[in-house]
């Protein structure tokens, strides 16, 4: 576990404020991570071929970062 992640700007397709998705929560199976409803959702979630990274403490402040080409070797 790290205190931060770094993603090169050239790997970012878009960034959006997305509290609605944060309130719904991730799809799939968490591996590894933690989930305490109403407190924190964090970790890597896998649903089929879709893989997402979550670190949400307050859904109102959540942002969604979409990477170019899917999986990014700098992030996972």
N, C-alpha and C. Protein backbone atom coordinates (compact mmCIF):
# COMPACT_ATOMS: atom_id res chain seq x y z
N UNK A 1 0.84 -1.18 0.00
CA UNK A 1 0.00 0.00 0.00
C UNK A 1 0.88 1.25 0.00
N UNK A 2 0.40 2.26 -0.73
CA UNK A 2 1.13 3.51 -0.82
C UNK A 2 0.24 4.66 -0.37
N UNK A 3 0.85 5.77 -0.04
CA UNK A 3 0.10 6.96 0.34
C UNK A 3 -0.36 7.76 -0.86
N UNK A 4 0.19 7.45 -2.03
CA UNK A 4 -0.18 8.20 -3.23
C UNK A 4 0.07 7.34 -4.47
N UNK A 5 -0.52 7.77 -5.57
CA UNK A 5 -0.24 7.13 -6.85
C UNK A 5 0.15 8.24 -7.83
N UNK A 6 0.93 7.88 -8.82
CA UNK A 6 1.33 8.83 -9.85
C UNK A 6 0.90 8.28 -11.20
N UNK A 7 0.25 9.13 -11.98
CA UNK A 7 -0.19 8.77 -13.31
C UNK A 7 0.31 9.84 -14.26
N UNK A 8 1.09 9.46 -15.28
CA UNK A 8 1.55 10.46 -16.25
C UNK A 8 0.36 11.12 -16.95
N UNK A 9 0.43 12.42 -17.16
CA UNK A 9 -0.66 13.14 -17.83
C UNK A 9 -0.97 12.55 -19.20
N UNK A 10 0.03 12.01 -19.87
CA UNK A 10 -0.18 11.43 -21.19
C UNK A 10 -1.01 10.14 -21.13
N UNK A 11 -1.21 9.58 -19.95
CA UNK A 11 -2.01 8.35 -19.79
C UNK A 11 -3.46 8.65 -19.42
N UNK A 12 -3.80 9.92 -19.20
CA UNK A 12 -5.14 10.29 -18.76
C UNK A 12 -5.99 10.71 -19.96
N UNK A 13 -7.15 10.04 -20.09
CA UNK A 13 -8.10 10.39 -21.14
C UNK A 13 -9.06 11.48 -20.67
N UNK A 14 -9.58 11.34 -19.43
CA UNK A 14 -10.52 12.33 -18.92
C UNK A 14 -10.57 12.29 -17.40
N UNK A 15 -11.03 13.39 -16.81
CA UNK A 15 -11.23 13.49 -15.36
C UNK A 15 -12.58 14.17 -15.13
N UNK A 16 -13.42 13.57 -14.29
CA UNK A 16 -14.75 14.11 -14.01
C UNK A 16 -15.06 14.02 -12.52
N UNK A 17 -15.78 15.00 -12.01
CA UNK A 17 -16.37 14.90 -10.67
C UNK A 17 -17.50 13.88 -10.80
N UNK A 18 -17.54 12.86 -9.92
CA UNK A 18 -18.51 11.77 -10.10
C UNK A 18 -19.04 11.23 -8.77
N UNK A 19 -19.78 12.05 -8.01
CA UNK A 19 -20.29 11.57 -6.73
C UNK A 19 -21.33 10.47 -6.86
N UNK A 20 -22.10 10.46 -7.96
CA UNK A 20 -23.14 9.44 -8.13
C UNK A 20 -22.54 8.03 -8.22
N UNK A 21 -21.51 7.85 -9.03
CA UNK A 21 -20.85 6.54 -9.14
C UNK A 21 -20.24 6.15 -7.81
N UNK A 22 -19.68 7.11 -7.09
CA UNK A 22 -19.08 6.82 -5.78
C UNK A 22 -20.13 6.36 -4.77
N UNK A 23 -21.33 6.90 -4.86
CA UNK A 23 -22.40 6.47 -3.95
C UNK A 23 -22.89 5.06 -4.27
N UNK A 24 -22.93 4.72 -5.56
CA UNK A 24 -23.37 3.38 -5.98
C UNK A 24 -22.34 2.33 -5.55
N UNK A 25 -21.07 2.66 -5.71
CA UNK A 25 -20.01 1.73 -5.33
C UNK A 25 -19.50 0.90 -6.49
N UNK A 26 -18.43 0.18 -6.25
CA UNK A 26 -17.77 -0.57 -7.32
C UNK A 26 -18.51 -1.86 -7.69
N UNK A 27 -18.24 -2.32 -8.91
CA UNK A 27 -18.75 -3.61 -9.37
C UNK A 27 -17.66 -4.65 -9.15
N UNK A 28 -18.07 -5.88 -8.92
CA UNK A 28 -17.12 -6.99 -8.89
C UNK A 28 -16.60 -7.36 -7.53
N UNK A 29 -15.49 -8.06 -7.58
CA UNK A 29 -14.86 -8.62 -6.38
C UNK A 29 -13.66 -7.77 -5.99
N UNK A 30 -13.54 -7.48 -4.71
CA UNK A 30 -12.43 -6.67 -4.19
C UNK A 30 -11.23 -7.57 -3.93
N UNK A 31 -10.06 -7.12 -4.41
CA UNK A 31 -8.86 -7.91 -4.20
C UNK A 31 -7.62 -7.06 -4.47
N UNK A 32 -6.86 -6.64 -3.55
CA UNK A 32 -7.10 -6.48 -2.12
C UNK A 32 -7.83 -5.17 -1.87
N UNK A 33 -8.17 -4.89 -0.64
CA UNK A 33 -8.81 -3.63 -0.31
C UNK A 33 -9.63 -3.72 0.95
N UNK A 34 -10.41 -2.66 1.18
CA UNK A 34 -11.27 -2.59 2.36
C UNK A 34 -12.58 -1.91 1.99
N UNK A 35 -13.63 -2.27 2.67
CA UNK A 35 -14.93 -1.65 2.43
C UNK A 35 -15.71 -1.60 3.74
N UNK A 36 -15.86 -0.40 4.27
CA UNK A 36 -16.66 -0.17 5.46
C UNK A 36 -17.74 0.81 5.02
N UNK A 37 -18.98 0.32 4.79
CA UNK A 37 -20.05 1.17 4.26
C UNK A 37 -20.19 2.48 5.03
N UNK A 38 -20.24 3.58 4.28
CA UNK A 38 -20.38 4.90 4.87
C UNK A 38 -19.09 5.50 5.39
N UNK A 39 -17.99 4.72 5.32
CA UNK A 39 -16.71 5.21 5.84
C UNK A 39 -15.64 5.24 4.75
N UNK A 40 -15.37 4.09 4.11
CA UNK A 40 -14.32 4.00 3.10
C UNK A 40 -14.58 2.84 2.15
N UNK A 41 -14.27 3.08 0.89
CA UNK A 41 -14.23 2.03 -0.12
C UNK A 41 -12.87 2.18 -0.79
N UNK A 42 -12.04 1.18 -0.67
CA UNK A 42 -10.69 1.27 -1.22
C UNK A 42 -10.22 -0.08 -1.70
N UNK A 43 -9.51 -0.07 -2.81
CA UNK A 43 -8.93 -1.30 -3.32
C UNK A 43 -9.15 -1.47 -4.80
N UNK A 44 -8.73 -2.61 -5.30
CA UNK A 44 -8.87 -2.97 -6.71
C UNK A 44 -10.07 -3.89 -6.82
N UNK A 45 -10.98 -3.57 -7.72
CA UNK A 45 -12.19 -4.36 -7.95
C UNK A 45 -12.17 -4.91 -9.36
N UNK A 46 -12.51 -6.20 -9.50
CA UNK A 46 -12.51 -6.86 -10.80
C UNK A 46 -13.91 -7.40 -11.09
N UNK A 47 -14.44 -7.04 -12.27
CA UNK A 47 -15.74 -7.53 -12.75
C UNK A 47 -15.53 -7.98 -14.19
N UNK A 48 -15.32 -9.27 -14.39
CA UNK A 48 -15.00 -9.77 -15.73
C UNK A 48 -13.65 -9.25 -16.16
N UNK A 49 -13.60 -8.53 -17.30
CA UNK A 49 -12.33 -7.95 -17.75
C UNK A 49 -12.16 -6.52 -17.27
N UNK A 50 -13.20 -5.96 -16.64
CA UNK A 50 -13.15 -4.59 -16.13
C UNK A 50 -12.45 -4.58 -14.78
N UNK A 51 -11.46 -3.71 -14.65
CA UNK A 51 -10.70 -3.58 -13.41
C UNK A 51 -10.67 -2.11 -13.00
N UNK A 52 -11.06 -1.82 -11.75
CA UNK A 52 -11.09 -0.43 -11.29
C UNK A 52 -10.37 -0.30 -9.95
N UNK A 53 -9.82 0.87 -9.72
CA UNK A 53 -9.17 1.18 -8.44
C UNK A 53 -10.03 2.22 -7.74
N UNK A 54 -10.33 1.97 -6.47
CA UNK A 54 -11.17 2.88 -5.68
C UNK A 54 -10.43 3.33 -4.43
N UNK A 55 -10.60 4.62 -4.09
CA UNK A 55 -10.16 5.16 -2.80
C UNK A 55 -11.12 6.31 -2.48
N UNK A 56 -12.27 5.96 -1.90
CA UNK A 56 -13.33 6.93 -1.65
C UNK A 56 -13.63 7.00 -0.15
N UNK A 57 -13.48 8.19 0.39
CA UNK A 57 -13.83 8.44 1.79
C UNK A 57 -15.12 9.26 1.87
N UNK A 58 -15.30 10.18 0.92
CA UNK A 58 -16.49 11.03 0.87
C UNK A 58 -16.97 11.09 -0.58
N UNK A 59 -18.09 10.45 -0.92
CA UNK A 59 -18.57 10.43 -2.30
C UNK A 59 -18.76 11.83 -2.90
N UNK A 60 -19.09 12.83 -2.09
CA UNK A 60 -19.29 14.19 -2.62
C UNK A 60 -18.01 14.77 -3.22
N UNK A 61 -16.85 14.28 -2.80
CA UNK A 61 -15.57 14.78 -3.28
C UNK A 61 -14.91 13.85 -4.31
N UNK A 62 -15.63 12.83 -4.76
CA UNK A 62 -15.02 11.82 -5.64
C UNK A 62 -14.80 12.34 -7.06
N UNK A 63 -13.69 11.92 -7.63
CA UNK A 63 -13.42 12.17 -9.04
C UNK A 63 -13.18 10.83 -9.72
N UNK A 64 -13.47 10.79 -11.03
CA UNK A 64 -13.23 9.58 -11.82
C UNK A 64 -12.18 9.93 -12.85
N UNK A 65 -11.12 9.14 -12.88
CA UNK A 65 -10.03 9.34 -13.84
C UNK A 65 -10.06 8.17 -14.81
N UNK A 66 -10.30 8.47 -16.09
CA UNK A 66 -10.31 7.42 -17.12
C UNK A 66 -8.97 7.43 -17.83
N UNK A 67 -8.34 6.24 -17.88
CA UNK A 67 -7.02 6.13 -18.48
C UNK A 67 -7.13 5.71 -19.94
N UNK A 68 -6.18 6.13 -20.72
CA UNK A 68 -6.12 5.75 -22.13
C UNK A 68 -5.71 4.30 -22.24
N UNK A 69 -6.46 3.53 -23.01
CA UNK A 69 -6.08 2.13 -23.26
C UNK A 69 -6.28 1.17 -22.11
N UNK A 70 -7.07 1.55 -21.12
CA UNK A 70 -7.35 0.62 -20.03
C UNK A 70 -6.24 0.56 -18.99
N UNK A 71 -5.72 -0.62 -18.74
CA UNK A 71 -4.74 -0.84 -17.66
C UNK A 71 -3.49 0.00 -17.88
N UNK A 72 -3.03 0.61 -16.80
CA UNK A 72 -1.85 1.46 -16.83
C UNK A 72 -0.77 0.85 -15.94
N UNK A 73 0.40 0.54 -16.51
CA UNK A 73 1.45 -0.09 -15.70
C UNK A 73 1.97 0.79 -14.58
N UNK A 74 1.75 2.11 -14.65
CA UNK A 74 2.20 2.98 -13.58
C UNK A 74 1.30 2.90 -12.35
N UNK A 75 0.04 2.46 -12.55
CA UNK A 75 -0.93 2.48 -11.46
C UNK A 75 -1.03 1.14 -10.76
N UNK A 76 -1.05 0.04 -11.47
CA UNK A 76 -1.25 -1.26 -10.86
C UNK A 76 -0.16 -2.21 -11.26
